[in-house]
């Protein structure tokens, strides 16, 4: 069995989102990709930022969506629940591996 890892970016990825194909450029004329915030204050909000954002080289940052307070609350709860379930899954996978080793099962 392989290790289990929770990847929220892949889970929340919607290939049909028209904003994924938007051409957004920073002040350096770099083409930016749409990113997702996983911070507690901006959970699941989508944004564009220059790779140099945060340094003195560029100040380009733009949200792609408007905050909905209800969604913000619900998403935070769902992400916590997913993380808790993932931790439980990882623990159970480890237990199964130990049991397989004890019983002589191999991949």
Protein backbone atom coordinates (compact mmCIF):
# COMPACT_ATOMS: atom_id res chain seq x y z
CA UNK A 1 0.00 0.00 0.00
CA UNK A 2 1.25 3.49 -0.72
CA UNK A 3 1.19 6.38 1.73
CA UNK A 4 -1.92 8.54 1.68
CA UNK A 5 -1.56 12.29 1.33
CA UNK A 6 -4.30 14.89 1.31
CA UNK A 7 -3.96 17.31 -1.61
CA UNK A 8 -6.62 19.98 -1.30
CA UNK A 9 -5.47 21.76 -4.45
CA UNK A 10 -6.30 18.71 -6.57
CA UNK A 11 -9.56 18.03 -4.74
CA UNK A 12 -10.78 21.60 -5.28
CA UNK A 13 -9.53 21.89 -8.88
CA UNK A 14 -12.27 22.47 -11.42
CA UNK A 15 -10.95 22.12 -14.97
CA UNK A 16 -14.06 23.90 -16.31
CA UNK A 17 -13.43 27.07 -14.28
CA UNK A 18 -13.16 29.88 -16.88
CA UNK A 19 -10.78 31.80 -14.60
CA UNK A 20 -8.16 29.09 -15.12
CA UNK A 21 -7.83 30.26 -18.73
CA UNK A 22 -7.81 33.97 -17.91
CA UNK A 23 -4.69 35.78 -19.02
CA UNK A 24 -3.63 37.78 -15.99
CA UNK A 25 -0.26 39.49 -16.04
CA UNK A 26 1.64 41.28 -13.29
CA UNK A 27 3.56 44.53 -13.58
CA UNK A 28 6.52 42.50 -14.94
CA UNK A 29 4.26 41.21 -17.76
CA UNK A 30 4.58 37.66 -16.41
CA UNK A 31 1.63 35.36 -17.11
CA UNK A 32 0.21 34.32 -13.72
CA UNK A 33 -1.51 31.10 -12.73
CA UNK A 34 -4.59 31.00 -10.54
CA UNK A 35 -3.73 29.89 -7.00
CA UNK A 36 -5.79 28.85 -3.98
CA UNK A 37 -5.24 30.19 -0.47
CA UNK A 38 -5.31 27.68 2.40
CA UNK A 39 -4.77 30.18 5.22
CA UNK A 40 -7.41 30.27 7.97
CA UNK A 41 -8.44 33.83 7.08
CA UNK A 42 -8.84 33.22 3.34
CA UNK A 43 -9.57 29.52 3.12
CA UNK A 44 -10.17 28.37 -0.48
CA UNK A 45 -10.10 31.88 -1.96
CA UNK A 46 -8.59 32.04 -5.43
CA UNK A 47 -6.03 34.68 -6.39
CA UNK A 48 -3.28 35.74 -8.74
CA UNK A 49 0.05 37.10 -7.50
CA UNK A 50 3.42 37.85 -9.02
CA UNK A 51 6.20 35.37 -8.14
CA UNK A 52 8.00 38.41 -6.71
CA UNK A 53 5.03 39.41 -4.53
CA UNK A 54 6.09 40.06 -0.95
CA UNK A 55 9.43 41.51 -1.91
CA UNK A 56 10.07 45.08 -2.92
CA UNK A 57 10.19 44.02 -6.59
CA UNK A 58 6.44 43.71 -7.14
CA UNK A 59 3.18 44.52 -5.40
CA UNK A 60 0.82 42.73 -7.80
CA UNK A 61 -1.89 40.73 -6.04
CA UNK A 62 -5.53 40.24 -7.08
CA UNK A 63 -8.35 38.13 -5.66
CA UNK A 64 -10.42 36.32 -8.28
CA UNK A 65 -13.54 36.08 -6.14
CA UNK A 66 -15.66 37.92 -3.59
CA UNK A 67 -15.81 36.69 0.01
CA UNK A 68 -19.01 35.00 1.06
CA UNK A 69 -18.99 34.80 4.88
CA UNK A 70 -21.21 31.71 5.02
CA UNK A 71 -19.01 29.84 2.55
CA UNK A 72 -15.93 30.91 4.47
CA UNK A 73 -17.37 29.35 7.65
CA UNK A 74 -18.51 26.13 5.96
CA UNK A 75 -15.31 25.60 3.97
CA UNK A 76 -13.19 26.00 7.10
CA UNK A 77 -15.25 23.29 8.85
CA UNK A 78 -15.10 20.96 5.84
CA UNK A 79 -11.34 21.31 5.44
CA UNK A 80 -10.84 20.55 9.14
CA UNK A 81 -13.07 17.49 8.83
CA UNK A 82 -11.15 16.31 5.75
CA UNK A 83 -7.82 16.72 7.55
CA UNK A 84 -9.14 14.79 10.57
CA UNK A 85 -10.42 12.00 8.34
CA UNK A 86 -7.12 11.90 6.45
CA UNK A 87 -5.19 11.55 9.72
CA UNK A 88 -7.45 8.66 10.70
CA UNK A 89 -6.94 7.04 7.29
CA UNK A 90 -3.15 7.37 7.53
CA UNK A 91 -3.20 5.83 11.02
CA UNK A 92 -5.34 2.93 9.78
CA UNK A 93 -3.07 2.33 6.78
CA UNK A 94 -0.10 2.13 9.17
CA UNK A 95 -1.98 -0.38 11.34
CA UNK A 96 -2.78 -2.50 8.28
CA UNK A 97 0.88 -2.48 7.21
CA UNK A 98 1.94 -3.67 10.67
CA UNK A 99 -0.71 -6.41 10.63
CA UNK A 100 0.40 -7.51 7.15
CA UNK A 101 4.02 -7.71 8.32
CA UNK A 102 3.03 -9.74 11.38
CA UNK A 103 0.95 -12.12 9.27
CA UNK A 104 3.60 -12.42 6.56
CA UNK A 105 1.74 -10.66 3.74
CA UNK A 106 3.84 -8.95 1.09
CA UNK A 107 3.00 -6.53 -1.74
